[in-house]
């Protein structure tokens, strides 16, 4: 059963107990481009207490550098080496685990942030934001030239998704021997400033259905994301806490990594999801209304 935080001593105790604080961003620190009340002050408090602060996000539309720009714009202190996004983790997985031959490349369903991380890791790619693929024209195999050097298809959130991108990805995955199907994350939705929208998991779903197979998923709750962090940062799991708004990604990610978990109710998960007869079987260690509550510590 989760412990509900409410009084100042509750928050003070958590500040004393944990040295490393991992934060999801959307729905925890901000909603769209609107900061959660008190988020900046709490992050400042953690740094004043000499806590290690990390940002772990499944948002694959932005690179770490562009995410840093968003932090700066919102007035949130963050450093590039504290930011771990699923786009970055995906690029590292391809370069370090798949280790594609020099002539090989990936076909991208995704946005500029994913492309930037692939470039930084030295991974060649096609598709993505290429204007040729951003079309509403009908797709025909008659006019398609299969690139035999495509060794993987990487799918993230793509707000200009279309039938051409799906069709090209499908061709590579079914006709190029050994072509890997990789998704940055499987979030069904993501919270914008004005409400929920379909997430990266919804974008990859048609391919999964057409192929009849599941992809390799990189982002939370997959352990691949934690491996990426542990390769760069030292932390003691016993003194680490993951703060998130989504049970099936943030909280599962923390539990799979052996760290404590704190659920905030400013994003995806509602009170009704954790109480009553239909409560989720995923149970965080702690629950609080908002990250801003820690101002009372």
Protein backbone atom coordinates (compact mmCIF):
# COMPACT_ATOMS: atom_id res chain seq x y z
CA UNK A 1 0.00 0.00 0.00
CA UNK A 2 1.27 3.47 -0.91
CA UNK A 3 2.12 5.97 1.79
CA UNK A 4 0.22 9.21 1.27
CA UNK A 5 2.34 12.29 1.94
CA UNK A 6 0.54 15.28 3.43
CA UNK A 7 2.33 16.87 6.39
CA UNK A 8 5.65 18.79 6.40
CA UNK A 9 7.45 16.01 8.35
CA UNK A 10 6.52 13.54 5.57
CA UNK A 11 8.29 15.62 2.95
CA UNK A 12 11.26 16.38 5.19
CA UNK A 13 11.74 12.65 5.82
CA UNK A 14 11.91 11.90 2.08
CA UNK A 15 14.42 14.68 1.51
CA UNK A 16 16.64 13.10 4.16
CA UNK A 17 16.15 9.55 2.92
CA UNK A 18 17.09 9.91 -0.77
CA UNK A 19 20.25 11.32 -2.37
CA UNK A 20 19.36 10.85 -6.05
CA UNK A 21 16.07 12.16 -7.44
CA UNK A 22 14.94 11.05 -10.89
CA UNK A 23 12.14 13.08 -12.43
CA UNK A 24 9.82 12.49 -15.32
CA UNK A 25 9.09 15.87 -16.93
CA UNK A 26 5.70 16.06 -18.69
CA UNK A 27 2.99 15.91 -16.04
CA UNK A 28 5.50 16.21 -13.18
CA UNK A 29 7.46 19.44 -13.74
CA UNK A 30 5.25 20.92 -16.44
CA UNK A 31 2.20 20.37 -18.62
CA UNK A 32 3.01 21.38 -22.17
CA UNK A 33 4.72 24.75 -21.72
CA UNK A 34 3.14 25.51 -18.35
CA UNK A 35 5.17 24.85 -15.19
CA UNK A 36 3.66 22.89 -12.32
CA UNK A 37 3.31 25.31 -9.40
CA UNK A 38 6.31 25.04 -7.09
CA UNK A 39 8.42 22.80 -9.34
CA UNK A 40 11.26 25.30 -9.74
CA UNK A 41 11.45 25.97 -6.01
CA UNK A 42 11.54 22.27 -5.15
CA UNK A 43 14.30 21.52 -7.65
CA UNK A 44 16.26 24.44 -6.21
CA UNK A 45 15.71 23.04 -2.71
CA UNK A 46 17.06 19.64 -3.77
CA UNK A 47 20.19 21.20 -5.25
CA UNK A 48 20.70 23.29 -2.10
CA UNK A 49 20.56 20.02 -0.14
CA UNK A 50 23.29 18.62 -2.45
CA UNK A 51 20.98 16.05 -3.99
CA UNK A 52 21.73 14.52 -7.40
CA UNK A 53 18.95 15.51 -9.83
CA UNK A 54 18.24 13.61 -13.06
CA UNK A 55 15.53 14.07 -15.65
CA UNK A 56 14.26 10.88 -17.29
CA UNK A 57 11.71 11.40 -20.05
CA UNK A 58 10.09 9.22 -22.68
CA UNK A 59 9.52 12.25 -24.91
CA UNK A 60 11.45 11.43 -28.09
CA UNK A 61 10.51 14.56 -30.03
CA UNK A 62 13.39 16.51 -28.47
CA UNK A 63 17.11 15.85 -28.19
CA UNK A 64 18.85 16.47 -24.88
CA UNK A 65 20.14 19.78 -26.24
CA UNK A 66 16.70 20.96 -27.33
CA UNK A 67 15.26 19.73 -24.02
CA UNK A 68 17.84 21.90 -22.27
CA UNK A 69 16.47 24.85 -24.26
CA UNK A 70 12.98 24.07 -22.91
CA UNK A 71 14.30 23.93 -19.34
CA UNK A 72 16.01 27.30 -19.88
CA UNK A 73 12.85 28.82 -21.36
CA UNK A 74 10.80 27.72 -18.36
CA UNK A 75 13.45 28.92 -15.89
CA UNK A 76 14.35 25.44 -14.65
CA UNK A 77 18.02 24.74 -13.89
CA UNK A 78 19.20 21.68 -15.80
CA UNK A 79 22.39 20.49 -17.47
CA UNK A 80 22.56 18.38 -20.62
CA UNK A 81 24.32 15.54 -18.78
CA UNK A 82 21.40 15.37 -16.31
CA UNK A 83 18.83 14.81 -19.08
CA UNK A 84 18.05 11.28 -20.26
CA UNK A 85 15.45 11.07 -23.02
CA UNK A 86 14.23 8.03 -24.93
CA UNK A 87 15.63 9.52 -28.17
CA UNK A 88 19.12 9.64 -26.63
CA UNK A 89 18.80 6.15 -25.13
CA UNK A 90 17.61 4.78 -28.49
CA UNK A 91 20.58 6.28 -30.32
CA UNK A 92 22.98 4.89 -27.70
CA UNK A 93 21.34 1.45 -27.99
CA UNK A 94 21.79 1.42 -31.77
CA UNK A 95 25.40 2.62 -31.65
CA UNK A 96 26.54 0.59 -28.62
CA UNK A 97 24.42 -2.57 -28.69
CA UNK A 98 23.39 -3.14 -32.31
CA UNK A 99 26.71 -1.71 -33.56
CA UNK A 100 25.55 -1.40 -37.16
CA UNK A 101 28.15 -1.81 -39.90
CA UNK A 102 29.38 1.49 -41.35
CA UNK A 103 27.29 1.24 -44.51
CA UNK A 104 24.09 0.41 -42.61
CA UNK A 105 21.41 2.93 -41.64
CA UNK A 106 18.03 3.20 -39.92
CA UNK A 107 14.67 4.30 -41.26
CA UNK A 108 13.09 6.83 -38.90
CA UNK A 109 9.48 7.47 -38.04
CA UNK A 110 9.95 10.41 -35.73
CA UNK A 111 10.92 14.04 -35.36
CA UNK A 112 13.99 16.27 -35.36
CA UNK A 113 15.06 15.47 -31.78
CA UNK A 114 15.42 11.77 -32.57
CA UNK A 115 17.40 12.58 -35.72
CA UNK A 116 19.74 14.86 -33.75
CA UNK A 117 20.55 12.15 -31.21
CA UNK A 118 21.19 9.62 -33.99
CA UNK A 119 23.57 12.05 -35.71
CA UNK A 120 25.43 12.68 -32.45
CA UNK A 121 25.93 8.93 -32.03
CA UNK A 122 27.16 8.55 -35.61
CA UNK A 123 24.10 6.58 -36.77
CA UNK A 124 23.11 7.17 -40.42
CA UNK A 125 19.38 7.46 -41.10
CA UNK A 126 16.76 8.17 -43.74
CA UNK A 127 13.09 9.15 -43.44
CA UNK A 128 12.13 11.18 -40.39
CA UNK A 129 11.66 14.83 -41.29
CA UNK A 130 12.66 14.34 -44.95
CA UNK A 131 10.07 16.33 -46.97
CA UNK A 132 9.81 13.43 -49.43
CA UNK A 133 8.14 11.33 -46.72
CA UNK A 134 5.93 14.13 -45.37
CA UNK A 135 3.24 13.69 -47.98
CA UNK A 136 -0.47 12.99 -48.17
CA UNK A 137 -0.10 11.49 -51.65
CA UNK A 138 -0.97 7.83 -52.11
CA UNK A 139 1.89 5.37 -51.64
CA UNK A 140 2.72 2.93 -54.43
CA UNK A 141 5.28 0.12 -54.37
CA UNK A 142 5.73 0.71 -58.08
CA UNK A 143 7.64 3.91 -57.30
CA UNK A 144 9.51 2.64 -54.23
CA UNK A 145 13.20 1.75 -54.27
CA UNK A 146 14.10 -0.51 -51.34
CA UNK A 147 17.35 0.54 -49.63
CA UNK A 148 19.05 -2.75 -48.74
CA UNK A 149 21.28 -0.98 -46.20
CA UNK A 150 18.40 -0.17 -43.83
CA UNK A 151 19.10 -2.47 -40.87
CA UNK A 152 16.56 -1.08 -38.40
CA UNK A 153 13.33 0.89 -38.24
CA UNK A 154 13.08 3.31 -35.32
CA UNK A 155 9.66 4.62 -34.39
CA UNK A 156 8.99 7.50 -31.99
CA UNK A 157 6.30 10.12 -31.67
CA UNK A 158 5.66 11.63 -35.10
CA UNK A 159 3.02 14.34 -35.40
CA UNK A 160 3.18 14.19 -39.22
CA UNK A 161 2.71 10.43 -39.46
CA UNK A 162 1.21 9.19 -42.73
CA UNK A 163 0.63 6.09 -44.85
CA UNK A 164 3.87 6.57 -46.79
CA UNK A 165 5.99 6.35 -43.63
CA UNK A 166 4.14 3.27 -42.42
CA UNK A 167 4.44 1.60 -45.83
CA UNK A 168 8.19 2.24 -46.16
CA UNK A 169 8.83 1.02 -42.61
CA UNK A 170 6.78 -2.10 -43.31
CA UNK A 171 8.78 -2.83 -46.46
CA UNK A 172 12.10 -2.58 -44.65
CA UNK A 173 10.94 -4.75 -41.77
CA UNK A 174 9.54 -7.48 -44.01
CA UNK A 175 12.00 -7.46 -46.93
CA UNK A 176 15.40 -6.59 -45.42
CA UNK A 177 16.74 -9.71 -43.64
CA UNK A 178 17.32 -9.14 -39.93
CA UNK A 179 15.93 -5.59 -39.93
CA UNK A 180 15.27 -4.61 -36.30
CA UNK A 181 11.99 -3.03 -35.15
CA UNK A 182 12.77 -0.50 -32.39
CA UNK A 183 10.47 1.97 -30.62
CA UNK A 184 11.63 4.85 -28.47
CA UNK A 185 8.81 4.18 -25.99
CA UNK A 186 5.31 2.73 -25.76
CA UNK A 187 3.39 5.56 -24.09
CA UNK A 188 -0.21 5.34 -25.28
CA UNK A 189 -0.77 9.05 -24.69
CA UNK A 190 1.15 12.15 -23.72
CA UNK A 191 -0.05 15.23 -21.82
CA UNK A 192 -0.05 18.51 -23.71
CA UNK A 193 -0.87 21.89 -22.19
CA UNK A 194 -4.45 21.56 -23.42
CA UNK A 195 -5.12 17.86 -22.81
CA UNK A 196 -4.09 14.34 -23.77
CA UNK A 197 -2.92 13.41 -27.27
CA UNK A 198 -1.90 10.04 -28.80
CA UNK A 199 1.62 9.05 -27.75
CA UNK A 200 4.49 7.19 -29.39
CA UNK A 201 2.94 3.83 -28.55
CA UNK A 202 -0.12 4.79 -30.57
CA UNK A 203 2.12 5.73 -33.51
CA UNK A 204 3.88 2.35 -33.57
CA UNK A 205 0.66 0.34 -33.00
CA UNK A 206 -0.32 0.01 -36.71
CA UNK A 207 3.12 -1.42 -37.54
CA UNK A 208 2.90 -3.89 -34.67
CA UNK A 209 -0.50 -5.01 -35.92
CA UNK A 210 0.62 -5.29 -39.55
CA UNK A 211 3.78 -7.21 -38.61
CA UNK A 212 2.22 -9.35 -35.91
CA UNK A 213 5.27 -8.81 -33.70
CA UNK A 214 6.37 -6.64 -30.80
CA UNK A 215 9.26 -4.20 -31.14
CA UNK A 216 12.29 -3.65 -28.92
CA UNK A 217 11.20 -0.83 -26.59
CA UNK A 218 13.87 1.49 -25.22
CA UNK A 219 12.15 4.03 -22.95
CA UNK A 220 10.52 3.63 -19.54
CA UNK A 221 9.66 1.12 -18.14
CA UNK A 222 12.27 -0.86 -20.11
CA UNK A 223 15.54 -1.54 -18.32
CA UNK A 224 17.43 -0.27 -21.38
CA UNK A 225 16.79 3.29 -20.24
CA UNK A 226 18.17 2.58 -16.76
CA UNK A 227 21.23 0.86 -18.26
CA UNK A 228 21.86 4.03 -20.27
CA UNK A 229 21.75 6.15 -17.09
CA UNK A 230 23.88 3.75 -15.05
CA UNK A 231 26.55 3.80 -17.77
CA UNK A 232 26.95 7.54 -17.19
CA UNK A 233 25.93 8.24 -13.56
CA UNK A 234 26.75 6.56 -10.24
CA UNK A 235 23.88 6.24 -7.78
CA UNK A 236 22.88 3.96 -4.94
CA UNK A 237 19.45 2.41 -5.76
CA UNK A 238 18.65 2.18 -2.05
CA UNK A 239 18.93 5.98 -1.79
CA UNK A 240 17.28 6.82 -5.11
CA UNK A 241 13.67 7.76 -5.85
CA UNK A 242 11.84 8.02 -9.18
CA UNK A 243 9.15 10.72 -9.36
CA UNK A 244 6.50 10.29 -12.05
CA UNK A 245 2.88 10.75 -13.05
CA UNK A 246 2.31 7.51 -14.96
CA UNK A 247 2.00 4.12 -13.26
CA UNK A 248 2.81 1.87 -16.22
CA UNK A 249 5.97 3.74 -17.22
CA UNK A 250 7.49 5.89 -14.45
CA UNK A 251 6.51 3.76 -11.47
CA UNK A 252 7.19 0.43 -13.21
CA UNK A 253 10.55 1.82 -14.36
CA UNK A 254 11.53 2.66 -10.80
CA UNK A 255 10.36 -0.70 -9.46
CA UNK A 256 12.21 -2.62 -12.19
CA UNK A 257 15.37 -0.69 -11.34
CA UNK A 258 15.11 -1.35 -7.62
CA UNK A 259 14.57 2.29 -6.66
CA UNK A 260 11.78 3.84 -4.60
CA UNK A 261 8.86 5.50 -6.38
CA UNK A 262 6.77 8.62 -5.83
CA UNK A 263 3.57 9.23 -7.80
CA UNK A 264 2.30 12.78 -8.38
CA UNK A 265 -1.27 13.44 -9.50
CA UNK A 266 -0.59 16.38 -11.85
CA UNK A 267 -0.40 14.31 -15.04
CA UNK A 268 -1.78 11.05 -16.43
CA UNK A 269 -2.71 9.11 -13.26
CA UNK A 270 -5.88 10.13 -11.44
CA UNK A 271 -6.96 9.53 -7.85
CA UNK A 272 -9.48 6.97 -9.15
CA UNK A 273 -6.62 4.95 -10.69
CA UNK A 274 -5.04 4.25 -7.29
CA UNK A 275 -8.07 3.97 -4.99
CA UNK A 276 -11.32 2.05 -5.00
CA UNK A 277 -12.36 -1.25 -6.60
CA UNK A 278 -10.69 -0.51 -9.95
CA UNK A 279 -7.34 0.58 -8.54
CA UNK A 280 -4.24 -0.40 -10.50
CA UNK A 281 -2.13 -3.32 -9.36
CA UNK A 282 0.94 -1.09 -9.84
CA UNK A 283 1.51 0.44 -6.40
CA UNK A 284 4.01 3.28 -5.85
CA UNK A 285 5.84 3.63 -2.55
CA UNK A 286 4.58 7.17 -2.03
CA UNK A 287 1.83 9.42 -3.39
CA UNK A 288 1.48 13.19 -3.26
CA UNK A 289 -0.75 15.66 -5.08
CA UNK A 290 2.06 17.64 -6.70
CA UNK A 291 5.84 18.03 -6.65
CA UNK A 292 5.17 21.53 -5.32
CA UNK A 293 4.05 19.96 -2.03
CA UNK A 294 7.71 19.56 -1.04
CA UNK A 295 7.91 23.30 -0.43
CA UNK A 296 6.46 22.59 3.02
CA UNK A 297 9.45 20.42 4.04
